[in-house]
Amino acid sequence: MDNLTKLKAELERLSPADLRLVLKFAEFLAQE
């Protein structure tokens, strides 16, 4: 299983609140 598939599987287990947190973190990293 490749990393992207693994990541998607992990994300699907997260709650919506966790997902928002991850998205905010991703946006923060993208701005660096």
PDB file of N, CA and C in Angstrom:
ATOM      1  N   MET A   1       0.848  -1.201   0.000  1.00  0.00           N
ATOM      2  CA  MET A   1       0.000   0.000   0.000  1.00  0.00           C
ATOM      3  C   MET A   1       0.883   1.250   0.000  1.00  0.00           C
ATOM      4  N   ASP A   2       0.609   2.152  -0.929  1.00  0.00           N
ATOM      5  CA  ASP A   2       1.441   3.359  -1.010  1.00  0.00           C
ATOM      6  C   ASP A   2       1.035   4.378   0.046  1.00  0.00           C
ATOM      7  N   ASN A   3       1.865   5.370   0.223  1.00  0.00           N
ATOM      8  CA  ASN A   3       1.660   6.351   1.294  1.00  0.00           C
ATOM      9  C   ASN A   3       0.365   7.138   1.141  1.00  0.00           C
ATOM     10  N   LEU A   4      -0.006   7.471  -0.087  1.00  0.00           N
ATOM     11  CA  LEU A   4      -1.214   8.259  -0.302  1.00  0.00           C
ATOM     12  C   LEU A   4      -2.448   7.477   0.129  1.00  0.00           C
ATOM     13  N   THR A   5      -2.479   6.191  -0.222  1.00  0.00           N
ATOM     14  CA  THR A   5      -3.598   5.331   0.178  1.00  0.00           C
ATOM     15  C   THR A   5      -3.661   5.223   1.687  1.00  0.00           C
ATOM     16  N   LYS A   6      -2.495   5.081   2.294  1.00  0.00           N
ATOM     17  CA  LYS A   6      -2.412   4.980   3.756  1.00  0.00           C
ATOM     18  C   LYS A   6      -2.929   6.264   4.398  1.00  0.00           C
ATOM     19  N   LEU A   7      -2.526   7.400   3.827  1.00  0.00           N
ATOM     20  CA  LEU A   7      -2.939   8.699   4.353  1.00  0.00           C
ATOM     21  C   LEU A   7      -4.452   8.866   4.251  1.00  0.00           C
ATOM     22  N   LYS A   8      -5.010   8.479   3.109  1.00  0.00           N
ATOM     23  CA  LYS A   8      -6.465   8.587   2.930  1.00  0.00           C
ATOM     24  C   LYS A   8      -7.198   7.733   3.948  1.00  0.00           C
ATOM     25  N   ALA A   9      -6.701   6.538   4.190  1.00  0.00           N
ATOM     26  CA  ALA A   9      -7.329   5.645   5.171  1.00  0.00           C
ATOM     27  C   ALA A   9      -7.294   6.265   6.561  1.00  0.00           C
ATOM     28  N   GLU A  10      -6.167   6.888   6.905  1.00  0.00           N
ATOM     29  CA  GLU A  10      -6.047   7.550   8.211  1.00  0.00           C
ATOM     30  C   GLU A  10      -7.030   8.713   8.308  1.00  0.00           C
ATOM     31  N   LEU A  11      -7.112   9.519   7.250  1.00  0.00           N
ATOM     32  CA  LEU A  11      -7.987  10.692   7.266  1.00  0.00           C
ATOM     33  C   LEU A  11      -9.451  10.304   7.409  1.00  0.00           C
ATOM     34  N   GLU A  12      -9.837   9.178   6.813  1.00  0.00           N
ATOM     35  CA  GLU A  12     -11.231   8.747   6.892  1.00  0.00           C
ATOM     36  C   GLU A  12     -11.618   8.329   8.299  1.00  0.00           C
ATOM     37  N   ARG A  13     -10.628   8.014   9.130  1.00  0.00           N
ATOM     38  CA  ARG A  13     -10.910   7.627  10.511  1.00  0.00           C
ATOM     39  C   ARG A  13     -11.054   8.841  11.427  1.00  0.00           C
ATOM     40  N   LEU A  14     -10.595   9.997  10.960  1.00  0.00           N
ATOM     41  CA  LEU A  14     -10.643  11.198  11.790  1.00  0.00           C
ATOM     42  C   LEU A  14     -12.055  11.769  11.860  1.00  0.00           C
ATOM     43  N   SER A  15     -12.336  12.434  12.955  1.00  0.00           N
ATOM     44  CA  SER A  15     -13.611  13.142  13.089  1.00  0.00           C
ATOM     45  C   SER A  15     -13.543  14.447  12.301  1.00  0.00           C
ATOM     46  N   PRO A  16     -14.699  15.037  11.989  1.00  0.00           N
ATOM     47  CA  PRO A  16     -14.695  16.320  11.260  1.00  0.00           C
ATOM     48  C   PRO A  16     -13.854  17.391  11.943  1.00  0.00           C
ATOM     49  N   ALA A  17     -13.885  17.443  13.266  1.00  0.00           N
ATOM     50  CA  ALA A  17     -13.091  18.441  13.988  1.00  0.00           C
ATOM     51  C   ALA A  17     -11.599  18.201  13.764  1.00  0.00           C
ATOM     52  N   ASP A  18     -11.193  16.930  13.819  1.00  0.00           N
ATOM     53  CA  ASP A  18      -9.791  16.587  13.568  1.00  0.00           C
ATOM     54  C   ASP A  18      -9.408  16.968  12.146  1.00  0.00           C
ATOM     55  N   LEU A  19     -10.329  16.715  11.222  1.00  0.00           N
ATOM     56  CA  LEU A  19     -10.074  17.004   9.823  1.00  0.00           C
ATOM     57  C   LEU A  19      -9.832  18.495   9.609  1.00  0.00           C
ATOM     58  N   ARG A  20     -10.644  19.331  10.266  1.00  0.00           N
ATOM     59  CA  ARG A  20     -10.458  20.786  10.157  1.00  0.00           C
ATOM     60  C   ARG A  20      -9.084  21.187  10.679  1.00  0.00           C
ATOM     61  N   LEU A  21      -8.671  20.563  11.763  1.00  0.00           N
ATOM     62  CA  LEU A  21      -7.374  20.861  12.353  1.00  0.00           C
ATOM     63  C   LEU A  21      -6.252  20.496  11.379  1.00  0.00           C
ATOM     64  N   VAL A  22      -6.381  19.342  10.761  1.00  0.00           N
ATOM     65  CA  VAL A  22      -5.388  18.888   9.780  1.00  0.00           C
ATOM     66  C   VAL A  22      -5.332  19.849   8.596  1.00  0.00           C
ATOM     67  N   LEU A  23      -6.492  20.282   8.136  1.00  0.00           N
ATOM     68  CA  LEU A  23      -6.531  21.207   7.001  1.00  0.00           C
ATOM     69  C   LEU A  23      -5.885  22.542   7.346  1.00  0.00           C
ATOM     70  N   LYS A  24      -6.148  23.035   8.545  1.00  0.00           N
ATOM     71  CA  LYS A  24      -5.528  24.288   8.986  1.00  0.00           C
ATOM     72  C   LYS A  24      -4.015  24.135   9.034  1.00  0.00           C
ATOM     73  N   PHE A  25      -3.557  22.999   9.529  1.00  0.00           N
ATOM     74  CA  PHE A  25      -2.131  22.733   9.617  1.00  0.00           C
ATOM     75  C   PHE A  25      -1.511  22.665   8.222  1.00  0.00           C
ATOM     76  N   ALA A  26      -2.220  22.025   7.301  1.00  0.00           N
ATOM     77  CA  ALA A  26      -1.731  21.918   5.922  1.00  0.00           C
ATOM     78  C   ALA A  26      -1.628  23.301   5.281  1.00  0.00           C
ATOM     79  N   GLU A  27      -2.625  24.148   5.528  1.00  0.00           N
ATOM     80  CA  GLU A  27      -2.583  25.512   4.991  1.00  0.00           C
ATOM     81  C   GLU A  27      -1.413  26.287   5.574  1.00  0.00           C
ATOM     82  N   PHE A  28      -1.186  26.097   6.871  1.00  0.00           N
ATOM     83  CA  PHE A  28      -0.070  26.755   7.543  1.00  0.00           C
ATOM     84  C   PHE A  28       1.257  26.336   6.917  1.00  0.00           C
ATOM     85  N   LEU A  29       1.402  25.030   6.662  1.00  0.00           N
ATOM     86  CA  LEU A  29       2.637  24.538   6.051  1.00  0.00           C
ATOM     87  C   LEU A  29       2.801  25.079   4.635  1.00  0.00           C
ATOM     88  N   ALA A  30       1.701  25.194   3.921  1.00  0.00           N
ATOM     89  CA  ALA A  30       1.754  25.668   2.537  1.00  0.00           C
ATOM     90  C   ALA A  30       2.208  27.125   2.467  1.00  0.00           C
ATOM     91  N   GLN A  31       1.950  27.883   3.524  1.00  0.00           N
ATOM     92  CA  GLN A  31       2.323  29.296   3.541  1.00  0.00           C
ATOM     93  C   GLN A  31       3.807  29.496   3.847  1.00  0.00           C
ATOM     94  N   GLU A  32       4.432  28.516   4.439  1.00  0.00           N
ATOM     95  CA  GLU A  32       5.846  28.648   4.816  1.00  0.00           C
ATOM     96  C   GLU A  32       6.722  28.854   3.588  1.00  0.00           C
TER      97      GLU A  32
END
